[in-house]
PDB file of N, CA and C in Angstrom:
ATOM      1  N   MET A   1      24.279  32.055 -23.007  1.00  0.00           N
ATOM      2  CA  MET A   1      24.963  31.421 -24.182  1.00  0.00           C
ATOM      3  C   MET A   1      23.631  31.325 -25.507  1.00  0.00           C
ATOM      4  N   ASN A   2      24.504  31.099 -26.385  1.00  0.00           N
ATOM      5  CA  ASN A   2      24.550  31.648 -28.039  1.00  0.00           C
ATOM      6  C   ASN A   2      22.913  30.497 -27.718  1.00  0.00           C
ATOM      7  N   ARG A   3      22.515  30.606 -28.930  1.00  0.00           N
ATOM      8  CA  ARG A   3      21.209  29.543 -29.677  1.00  0.00           C
ATOM      9  C   ARG A   3      22.557  27.975 -29.709  1.00  0.00           C
ATOM     10  N   LYS A   4      24.033  27.751 -30.723  1.00  0.00           N
ATOM     11  CA  LYS A   4      24.086  26.758 -30.841  1.00  0.00           C
ATOM     12  C   LYS A   4      24.779  25.857 -29.297  1.00  0.00           C
ATOM     13  N   GLU A   5      24.748  26.914 -28.580  1.00  0.00           N
ATOM     14  CA  GLU A   5      25.377  26.541 -27.873  1.00  0.00           C
ATOM     15  C   GLU A   5      23.803  25.347 -26.362  1.00  0.00           C
ATOM     16  N   TRP A   6      23.093  26.054 -26.969  1.00  0.00           N
ATOM     17  CA  TRP A   6      21.835  25.741 -25.968  1.00  0.00           C
ATOM     18  C   TRP A   6      21.307  24.738 -26.874  1.00  0.00           C
ATOM     19  N   LEU A   7      21.747  24.537 -27.851  1.00  0.00           N
ATOM     20  CA  LEU A   7      21.131  22.724 -27.994  1.00  0.00           C
ATOM     21  C   LEU A   7      22.168  21.930 -28.540  1.00  0.00           C
ATOM     22  N   ILE A   8      22.794  22.490 -28.027  1.00  0.00           N
ATOM     23  CA  ILE A   8      24.144  21.420 -27.975  1.00  0.00           C
ATOM     24  C   ILE A   8      23.568  20.420 -26.784  1.00  0.00           C
ATOM     25  N   ALA A   9      23.637  21.816 -25.666  1.00  0.00           N
ATOM     26  CA  ALA A   9      22.792  20.910 -24.478  1.00  0.00           C
ATOM     27  C   ALA A   9      21.825  19.872 -24.170  1.00  0.00           C
ATOM     28  N   THR A  10      21.249  21.213 -25.131  1.00  0.00           N
ATOM     29  CA  THR A  10      20.123  20.283 -25.236  1.00  0.00           C
ATOM     30  C   THR A  10      19.815  18.286 -25.733  1.00  0.00           C
ATOM     31  N   ILE A  11      20.722  17.962 -26.515  1.00  0.00           N
ATOM     32  CA  ILE A  11      20.741  17.418 -27.520  1.00  0.00           C
ATOM     33  C   ILE A  11      21.802  16.573 -26.278  1.00  0.00           C
ATOM     34  N   LEU A  12      22.313  16.740 -25.775  1.00  0.00           N
ATOM     35  CA  LEU A  12      23.585  16.498 -24.879  1.00  0.00           C
ATOM     36  C   LEU A  12      21.874  15.130 -23.739  1.00  0.00           C
ATOM     37  N   THR A  13      21.589  16.232 -23.116  1.00  0.00           N
ATOM     38  CA  THR A  13      20.807  16.098 -21.975  1.00  0.00           C
ATOM     39  C   THR A  13      19.445  15.245 -22.401  1.00  0.00           C
ATOM     40  N   LEU A  14      19.138  14.685 -24.527  1.00  0.00           N
ATOM     41  CA  LEU A  14      17.874  14.449 -24.013  1.00  0.00           C
ATOM     42  C   LEU A  14      19.225  12.344 -24.352  1.00  0.00           C
ATOM     43  N   ILE A  15      19.300  12.743 -24.928  1.00  0.00           N
ATOM     44  CA  ILE A  15      20.829  11.620 -24.893  1.00  0.00           C
ATOM     45  C   ILE A  15      20.681  10.924 -23.478  1.00  0.00           C
ATOM     46  N   THR A  16      21.513  11.771 -22.347  1.00  0.00           N
ATOM     47  CA  THR A  16      21.513  11.020 -21.335  1.00  0.00           C
ATOM     48  C   THR A  16      20.192  10.646 -20.757  1.00  0.00           C
ATOM     49  N   ILE A  17      19.357  11.530 -20.899  1.00  0.00           N
ATOM     50  CA  ILE A  17      17.416  10.286 -20.080  1.00  0.00           C
ATOM     51  C   ILE A  17      17.065   9.298 -21.481  1.00  0.00           C
ATOM     52  N   VAL A  18      17.174   9.613 -22.725  1.00  0.00           N
ATOM     53  CA  VAL A  18      17.368   7.584 -23.214  1.00  0.00           C
ATOM     54  C   VAL A  18      18.472   7.217 -23.133  1.00  0.00           C
ATOM     55  N   SER A  19      18.972   7.043 -22.456  1.00  0.00           N
ATOM     56  CA  SER A  19      20.229   5.958 -22.300  1.00  0.00           C
ATOM     57  C   SER A  19      20.352   5.491 -21.065  1.00  0.00           C
ATOM     58  N   TRP A  20      19.572   6.704 -20.011  1.00  0.00           N
ATOM     59  CA  TRP A  20      19.594   6.066 -18.854  1.00  0.00           C
ATOM     60  C   TRP A  20      18.318   5.229 -18.739  1.00  0.00           C
ATOM     61  N   VAL A  21      17.009   5.572 -19.481  1.00  0.00           N
ATOM     62  CA  VAL A  21      15.625   4.769 -19.476  1.00  0.00           C
ATOM     63  C   VAL A  21      15.675   3.337 -20.319  1.00  0.00           C
ATOM     64  N   ILE A  22      16.879   3.405 -20.637  1.00  0.00           N
ATOM     65  CA  ILE A  22      16.596   2.377 -21.226  1.00  0.00           C
ATOM     66  C   ILE A  22      16.980   1.392 -20.316  1.00  0.00           C
ATOM     67  N   PHE A  23      18.616   1.783 -20.355  1.00  0.00           N
ATOM     68  CA  PHE A  23      19.505   0.723 -18.452  1.00  0.00           C
ATOM     69  C   PHE A  23      18.173   0.429 -17.841  1.00  0.00           C
ATOM     70  N   ASP A  24      17.308   1.358 -16.960  1.00  0.00           N
ATOM     71  CA  ASP A  24      16.703   1.342 -16.289  1.00  0.00           C
ATOM     72  C   ASP A  24      15.587   0.164 -16.546  1.00  0.00           C
ATOM     73  N   ILE A  25      15.207   0.166 -17.761  1.00  0.00           N
ATOM     74  CA  ILE A  25      14.438  -0.879 -18.457  1.00  0.00           C
ATOM     75  C   ILE A  25      15.458  -2.307 -18.189  1.00  0.00           C
ATOM     76  N   LEU A  26      16.061  -2.540 -18.664  1.00  0.00           N
ATOM     77  CA  LEU A  26      17.039  -3.119 -19.318  1.00  0.00           C
ATOM     78  C   LEU A  26      17.547  -3.976 -17.538  1.00  0.00           C
ATOM     79  N   HIS A  27      17.600  -2.909 -16.330  1.00  0.00           N
ATOM     80  CA  HIS A  27      18.339  -3.625 -15.213  1.00  0.00           C
ATOM     81  C   HIS A  27      17.167  -4.565 -14.681  1.00  0.00           C
ATOM     82  N   THR A  28      15.946  -3.242 -14.738  1.00  0.00           N
ATOM     83  CA  THR A  28      14.509  -4.673 -14.427  1.00  0.00           C
ATOM     84  C   THR A  28      14.293  -5.532 -14.836  1.00  0.00           C
ATOM     85  N   ARG A  29      14.445  -5.466 -16.045  1.00  0.00           N
ATOM     86  CA  ARG A  29      13.679  -6.403 -16.937  1.00  0.00           C
ATOM     87  C   ARG A  29      15.205  -8.128 -16.662  1.00  0.00           C
ATOM     88  N   SER A  30      16.125  -7.918 -16.563  1.00  0.00           N
ATOM     89  CA  SER A  30      16.831  -8.649 -15.954  1.00  0.00           C
ATOM     90  C   SER A  30      16.824  -9.457 -15.012  1.00  0.00           C
ATOM     91  N   THR A  31      16.607 -11.062 -14.892  1.00  0.00           N
ATOM     92  CA  THR A  31      16.687 -11.850 -13.968  1.00  0.00           C
ATOM     93  C   THR A  31      17.661 -13.073 -13.039  1.00  0.00           C
ATOM     94  N   VAL A  32      17.553 -13.119 -12.294  1.00  0.00           N
ATOM     95  CA  VAL A  32      18.468 -13.439 -11.159  1.00  0.00           C
ATOM     96  C   VAL A  32      18.084 -15.013 -10.778  1.00  0.00           C
ATOM     97  N   GLU A  33      18.229 -15.963 -11.808  1.00  0.00           N
ATOM     98  CA  GLU A  33      18.207 -17.276 -11.276  1.00  0.00           C
ATOM     99  C   GLU A  33      18.894 -18.217  -9.845  1.00  0.00           C
ATOM    100  N   ILE A  34      17.776 -17.957  -9.060  1.00  0.00           N
ATOM    101  CA  ILE A  34      18.237 -18.850  -7.793  1.00  0.00           C
ATOM    102  C   ILE A  34      18.072 -20.050  -7.900  1.00  0.00           C
ATOM    103  N   SER A  35      19.049 -21.153  -7.640  1.00  0.00           N
ATOM    104  CA  SER A  35      19.354 -22.401  -7.986  1.00  0.00           C
ATOM    105  C   SER A  35      18.362 -23.522  -7.074  1.00  0.00           C
ATOM    106  N   PRO A  36      17.996 -24.839  -7.189  1.00  0.00           N
ATOM    107  CA  PRO A  36      17.230 -25.504  -6.465  1.00  0.00           C
ATOM    108  C   PRO A  36      17.559 -25.494  -4.949  1.00  0.00           C
ATOM    109  N   LYS A  37      18.556 -25.599  -4.983  1.00  0.00           N
ATOM    110  CA  LYS A  37      19.402 -25.850  -2.957  1.00  0.00           C
ATOM    111  C   LYS A  37      18.643 -24.433  -2.456  1.00  0.00           C
ATOM    112  N   VAL A  38      19.528 -23.623  -2.920  1.00  0.00           N
ATOM    113  CA  VAL A  38      18.900 -22.245  -2.496  1.00  0.00           C
ATOM    114  C   VAL A  38      17.006 -22.194  -2.429  1.00  0.00           C
ATOM    115  N   GLN A  39      16.625 -22.634  -2.481  1.00  0.00           N
ATOM    116  CA  GLN A  39      14.788 -22.355  -2.742  1.00  0.00           C
ATOM    117  C   GLN A  39      14.853 -23.277  -2.158  1.00  0.00           C
ATOM    118  N   GLU A  40      15.354 -23.924  -1.800  1.00  0.00           N
ATOM    119  CA  GLU A  40      15.053 -25.548  -0.459  1.00  0.00           C
ATOM    120  C   GLU A  40      15.156 -25.325   0.522  1.00  0.00           C
ATOM    121  N   ILE A  41      16.398 -24.113   0.581  1.00  0.00           N
ATOM    122  CA  ILE A  41      16.650 -23.300   2.109  1.00  0.00           C
ATOM    123  C   ILE A  41      15.975 -22.244   2.499  1.00  0.00           C
ATOM    124  N   ILE A  42      15.522 -21.687   1.888  1.00  0.00           N
ATOM    125  CA  ILE A  42      14.693 -20.343   1.873  1.00  0.00           C
ATOM    126  C   ILE A  42      13.485 -21.063   2.236  1.00  0.00           C
ATOM    127  N   THR A  43      12.860 -22.030   2.493  1.00  0.00           N
ATOM    128  CA  THR A  43      11.091 -22.289   2.310  1.00  0.00           C
ATOM    129  C   THR A  43      11.206 -20.887   3.723  1.00  0.00           C
ATOM    130  N   PRO A  44       9.469 -20.095   2.894  1.00  0.00           N
ATOM    131  CA  PRO A  44       8.582 -19.878   4.623  1.00  0.00           C
ATOM    132  C   PRO A  44       8.460 -20.322   5.730  1.00  0.00           C
ATOM    133  N   ILE A  45       8.981 -19.647   6.772  1.00  0.00           N
ATOM    134  CA  ILE A  45       7.959 -20.279   8.154  1.00  0.00           C
ATOM    135  C   ILE A  45       6.917 -19.847   8.309  1.00  0.00           C
ATOM    136  N   ASP A  46       6.747 -20.860   9.411  1.00  0.00           N
ATOM    137  CA  ASP A  46       5.550 -20.744  10.033  1.00  0.00           C
ATOM    138  C   ASP A  46       5.075 -19.458  10.850  1.00  0.00           C
ATOM    139  N   PRO A  47       3.560 -18.883   9.781  1.00  0.00           N
ATOM    140  CA  PRO A  47       3.382 -17.721  10.371  1.00  0.00           C
ATOM    141  C   PRO A  47       2.817 -17.935  11.885  1.00  0.00           C
ATOM    142  N   ASN A  48       2.421 -18.709  11.953  1.00  0.00           N
ATOM    143  CA  ASN A  48       1.245 -19.104  13.847  1.00  0.00           C
ATOM    144  C   ASN A  48       2.679 -19.709  14.257  1.00  0.00           C
ATOM    145  N   LEU A  49       2.116 -18.310  15.618  1.00  0.00           N
ATOM    146  CA  LEU A  49       2.942 -18.749  16.873  1.00  0.00           C
ATOM    147  C   LEU A  49       2.582 -20.268  17.236  1.00  0.00           C
ATOM    148  N   ASN A  50       3.455 -21.311  18.203  1.00  0.00           N
ATOM    149  CA  ASN A  50       3.046 -22.456  18.742  1.00  0.00           C
ATOM    150  C   ASN A  50       2.945 -22.137  20.712  1.00  0.00           C
ATOM    151  N   THR A  51       1.544 -20.916  20.656  1.00  0.00           N
ATOM    152  CA  THR A  51       1.945 -20.898  22.298  1.00  0.00           C
ATOM    153  C   THR A  51       1.740 -22.211  23.764  1.00  0.00           C
ATOM    154  N   SER A  52       2.401 -23.456  23.264  1.00  0.00           N
ATOM    155  CA  SER A  52       2.433 -23.938  23.752  1.00  0.00           C
ATOM    156  C   SER A  52       3.954 -24.475  24.359  1.00  0.00           C
ATOM    157  N   SER A  53       4.318 -23.723  23.728  1.00  0.00           N
ATOM    158  CA  SER A  53       5.900 -23.967  23.764  1.00  0.00           C
ATOM    159  C   SER A  53       6.442 -22.962  24.706  1.00  0.00           C
ATOM    160  N   LEU A  54       5.967 -22.353  24.505  1.00  0.00           N
ATOM    161  CA  LEU A  54       6.515 -20.681  25.609  1.00  0.00           C
ATOM    162  C   LEU A  54       5.190 -20.900  26.991  1.00  0.00           C
ATOM    163  N   GLU A  55       4.848 -21.509  27.491  1.00  0.00           N
ATOM    164  CA  GLU A  55       3.512 -22.223  28.505  1.00  0.00           C
ATOM    165  C   GLU A  55       4.592 -22.995  28.523  1.00  0.00           C
ATOM    166  N   SER A  56       6.140 -22.620  30.258  1.00  0.00           N
ATOM    167  CA  SER A  56       6.095 -23.212  30.633  1.00  0.00           C
ATOM    168  C   SER A  56       5.906 -23.809  31.767  1.00  0.00           C
ATOM    169  N   ASN A  57       5.832 -24.048  32.531  1.00  0.00           N
ATOM    170  CA  ASN A  57       5.531 -24.725  34.628  1.00  0.00           C
ATOM    171  C   ASN A  57       6.701 -24.730  35.267  1.00  0.00           C
ATOM    172  N   PRO A  58       6.526 -24.052  36.160  1.00  0.00           N
ATOM    173  CA  PRO A  58       8.262 -23.619  37.423  1.00  0.00           C
ATOM    174  C   PRO A  58       7.762 -25.060  37.874  1.00  0.00           C
TER     175      PRO A  58
END
């Protein structure tokens, strides 16, 4: 490869990396809006185990 081909390859690589970083930042900053109905449905589960319901009397 001569000097001109190296320069073109370097410029194209630089453009690719810069555009990749820009699109990644834009993708990361985008937010997804969750409707209030869905937020109501996905309430957290109680982490405490109710052991009295597991005990059974035969």
